[in-house]
Amino acid sequence: MFGRGRFDDVVRRQLDLFAADQAPLLEGAEEADAAWTGAAREDSEELYGAYQLVVDEIGDRLYDIREGYASSLDELTGDEYRAAFNKAAVKRFRRFAAFLEDDEV
C-alpha cells in the first residue's frame, strides 16, 4: 500500500464507472475531435464549437461526481479527495478534464 493515496481506490472506481456509463459521450467527443481537426478551414470553427460543447459536458459530469462525493466529507478531507480526483481524472481523461487542473484546491 506504500505510495498509494487513501482515495486512490475510490477515485479509480469512480472513473471506471464514469468511463463505462459515459462511453457514448466519450466516443462522441472522440468523433467530434476527429471531425474538427480534419475539417476544411471554413468548417473548423463551427465543428470546434461542437467539440467544445461535448468536452464541457464531460467536464461537468466529472465535476459533479467529484463534488458529490466531496460534499460528504469534512472540508480538509474533501480538499484531499478533490486533489486526488483531479490528478487521476486529468491523467485518464486529459483532454476532457483539463479544467480540473485550473480548479486545484
C-alpha atoms as a PDB file:
ATOM      1  CA  MET A   1       0.000   0.000   0.000  1.00  0.00           C
ATOM      2  CA  PHE A   2       3.054   2.252   0.220  1.00  0.00           C
ATOM      3  CA  GLY A   3       2.937   5.099  -2.284  1.00  0.00           C
ATOM      4  CA  ARG A   4      -0.829   4.999  -2.691  1.00  0.00           C
ATOM      5  CA  GLY A   5      -3.116   7.732  -1.505  1.00  0.00           C
ATOM      6  CA  ARG A   6      -6.081   6.993   0.660  1.00  0.00           C
ATOM      7  CA  PHE A   7      -8.514   7.952  -2.113  1.00  0.00           C
ATOM      8  CA  ASP A   8      -6.818   6.101  -4.976  1.00  0.00           C
ATOM      9  CA  ASP A   9      -9.169   3.131  -4.901  1.00  0.00           C
ATOM     10  CA  VAL A  10     -12.413   5.095  -4.653  1.00  0.00           C
ATOM     11  CA  VAL A  11     -11.316   7.525  -7.375  1.00  0.00           C
ATOM     12  CA  ARG A  12     -10.248   4.682  -9.666  1.00  0.00           C
ATOM     13  CA  ARG A  13     -13.639   3.026  -9.190  1.00  0.00           C
ATOM     14  CA  GLN A  14     -15.479   6.285  -9.799  1.00  0.00           C
ATOM     15  CA  LEU A  15     -13.556   6.892 -13.011  1.00  0.00           C
ATOM     16  CA  ASP A  16     -14.071   3.292 -14.155  1.00  0.00           C
ATOM     17  CA  LEU A  17     -17.827   3.699 -13.660  1.00  0.00           C
ATOM     18  CA  PHE A  18     -17.751   7.050 -15.390  1.00  0.00           C
ATOM     19  CA  ALA A  19     -15.946   5.568 -18.405  1.00  0.00           C
ATOM     20  CA  ALA A  20     -18.468   2.726 -18.641  1.00  0.00           C
ATOM     21  CA  ASP A  21     -21.566   4.852 -18.047  1.00  0.00           C
ATOM     22  CA  GLN A  22     -20.437   7.683 -20.289  1.00  0.00           C
ATOM     23  CA  ALA A  23     -18.924   5.593 -23.091  1.00  0.00           C
ATOM     24  CA  PRO A  24     -21.255   7.050 -25.761  1.00  0.00           C
ATOM     25  CA  LEU A  25     -20.420  10.594 -24.666  1.00  0.00           C
ATOM     26  CA  LEU A  26     -16.678   9.849 -24.664  1.00  0.00           C
ATOM     27  CA  GLU A  27     -16.952   8.253 -28.111  1.00  0.00           C
ATOM     28  CA  GLY A  28     -18.884  11.289 -29.302  1.00  0.00           C
ATOM     29  CA  ALA A  29     -16.084  13.512 -28.065  1.00  0.00           C
ATOM     30  CA  GLU A  30     -13.516  11.471 -29.978  1.00  0.00           C
ATOM     31  CA  GLU A  31     -15.653  11.724 -33.116  1.00  0.00           C
ATOM     32  CA  ALA A  32     -16.158  15.474 -32.662  1.00  0.00           C
ATOM     33  CA  ASP A  33     -12.408  15.915 -32.174  1.00  0.00           C
ATOM     34  CA  ALA A  34     -11.662  13.996 -35.363  1.00  0.00           C
ATOM     35  CA  ALA A  35     -14.299  15.989 -37.239  1.00  0.00           C
ATOM     36  CA  TRP A  36     -12.944  19.416 -36.364  1.00  0.00           C
ATOM     37  CA  THR A  37      -9.272  18.526 -36.696  1.00  0.00           C
ATOM     38  CA  GLY A  38      -9.882  17.012 -40.113  1.00  0.00           C
ATOM     39  CA  ALA A  39     -12.279  19.697 -41.323  1.00  0.00           C
ATOM     40  CA  ALA A  40     -11.741  22.217 -44.038  1.00  0.00           C
ATOM     41  CA  ARG A  41     -10.750  25.629 -42.775  1.00  0.00           C
ATOM     42  CA  GLU A  42     -14.203  27.145 -43.351  1.00  0.00           C
ATOM     43  CA  ASP A  43     -15.888  24.410 -41.273  1.00  0.00           C
ATOM     44  CA  SER A  44     -13.364  24.023 -38.481  1.00  0.00           C
ATOM     45  CA  GLU A  45     -14.634  26.847 -36.244  1.00  0.00           C
ATOM     46  CA  GLU A  46     -18.180  25.507 -36.137  1.00  0.00           C
ATOM     47  CA  LEU A  47     -17.011  21.938 -35.620  1.00  0.00           C
ATOM     48  CA  TYR A  48     -14.634  23.028 -32.885  1.00  0.00           C
ATOM     49  CA  GLY A  49     -17.604  24.652 -31.137  1.00  0.00           C
ATOM     50  CA  ALA A  50     -19.488  21.353 -31.291  1.00  0.00           C
ATOM     51  CA  TYR A  51     -16.432  19.545 -29.916  1.00  0.00           C
ATOM     52  CA  GLN A  52     -16.091  22.065 -27.088  1.00  0.00           C
ATOM     53  CA  LEU A  53     -19.724  21.536 -26.067  1.00  0.00           C
ATOM     54  CA  VAL A  54     -19.078  17.806 -25.675  1.00  0.00           C
ATOM     55  CA  VAL A  55     -15.864  18.463 -23.751  1.00  0.00           C
ATOM     56  CA  ASP A  56     -17.718  20.842 -21.443  1.00  0.00           C
ATOM     57  CA  GLU A  57     -20.409  18.210 -20.836  1.00  0.00           C
ATOM     58  CA  ILE A  58     -17.788  15.618 -19.907  1.00  0.00           C
ATOM     59  CA  GLY A  59     -16.084  18.114 -17.612  1.00  0.00           C
ATOM     60  CA  ASP A  60     -19.377  18.989 -15.939  1.00  0.00           C
ATOM     61  CA  ARG A  61     -20.135  15.339 -15.289  1.00  0.00           C
ATOM     62  CA  LEU A  62     -16.673  14.724 -13.816  1.00  0.00           C
ATOM     63  CA  TYR A  63     -17.112  17.808 -11.655  1.00  0.00           C
ATOM     64  CA  ASP A  64     -20.499  16.550 -10.433  1.00  0.00           C
ATOM     65  CA  ILE A  65     -19.009  13.194  -9.452  1.00  0.00           C
ATOM     66  CA  ARG A  66     -16.159  14.883  -7.619  1.00  0.00           C
ATOM     67  CA  GLU A  67     -18.306  17.380  -5.781  1.00  0.00           C
ATOM     68  CA  GLY A  68     -20.996  14.842  -4.949  1.00  0.00           C
ATOM     69  CA  TYR A  69     -18.500  12.710  -3.070  1.00  0.00           C
ATOM     70  CA  ALA A  70     -16.514  15.626  -1.639  1.00  0.00           C
ATOM     71  CA  SER A  71     -19.674  17.106  -0.125  1.00  0.00           C
ATOM     72  CA  SER A  72     -19.955  14.049   2.121  1.00  0.00           C
ATOM     73  CA  LEU A  73     -16.532  14.755   3.656  1.00  0.00           C
ATOM     74  CA  ASP A  74     -15.265  17.371   6.058  1.00  0.00           C
ATOM     75  CA  GLU A  75     -13.515  20.346   4.454  1.00  0.00           C
ATOM     76  CA  LEU A  76      -9.892  19.215   4.797  1.00  0.00           C
ATOM     77  CA  THR A  77     -10.635  15.634   3.781  1.00  0.00           C
ATOM     78  CA  GLY A  78     -12.740  16.931   0.892  1.00  0.00           C
ATOM     79  CA  ASP A  79      -9.814  19.002  -0.331  1.00  0.00           C
ATOM     80  CA  GLU A  80      -7.539  15.949  -0.167  1.00  0.00           C
ATOM     81  CA  TYR A  81     -10.094  13.918  -2.117  1.00  0.00           C
ATOM     82  CA  ARG A  82     -10.542  16.669  -4.722  1.00  0.00           C
ATOM     83  CA  ALA A  83      -6.790  16.796  -5.301  1.00  0.00           C
ATOM     84  CA  ALA A  84      -6.662  13.006  -5.745  1.00  0.00           C
ATOM     85  CA  PHE A  85      -9.675  13.051  -8.070  1.00  0.00           C
ATOM     86  CA  ASN A  86      -8.289  15.920 -10.146  1.00  0.00           C
ATOM     87  CA  LYS A  87      -4.938  14.209 -10.581  1.00  0.00           C
ATOM     88  CA  ALA A  88      -6.473  10.885 -11.613  1.00  0.00           C
ATOM     89  CA  ALA A  89      -9.153  12.392 -13.864  1.00  0.00           C
ATOM     90  CA  VAL A  90      -6.665  14.595 -15.688  1.00  0.00           C
ATOM     91  CA  LYS A  91      -4.291  11.663 -16.126  1.00  0.00           C
ATOM     92  CA  ARG A  92      -7.028   9.429 -17.515  1.00  0.00           C
ATOM     93  CA  PHE A  93      -9.166  11.932 -19.435  1.00  0.00           C
ATOM     94  CA  ARG A  94      -6.632  14.696 -20.123  1.00  0.00           C
ATOM     95  CA  ARG A  95      -8.432  16.496 -22.955  1.00  0.00           C
ATOM     96  CA  PHE A  96     -11.782  16.263 -21.247  1.00  0.00           C
ATOM     97  CA  ALA A  97     -10.770  17.074 -17.694  1.00  0.00           C
ATOM     98  CA  ALA A  98      -8.153  19.758 -18.200  1.00  0.00           C
ATOM     99  CA  PHE A  99     -10.369  22.334 -16.495  1.00  0.00           C
ATOM    100  CA  LEU A 100      -9.909  20.385 -13.263  1.00  0.00           C
ATOM    101  CA  GLU A 101      -6.244  21.420 -13.334  1.00  0.00           C
ATOM    102  CA  ASP A 102      -7.426  25.021 -13.145  1.00  0.00           C
ATOM    103  CA  ASP A 103      -9.700  24.119 -10.245  1.00  0.00           C
ATOM    104  CA  GLU A 104      -6.924  22.882  -7.964  1.00  0.00           C
ATOM    105  CA  VAL A 105      -7.660  23.122  -4.261  1.00  0.00           C
END
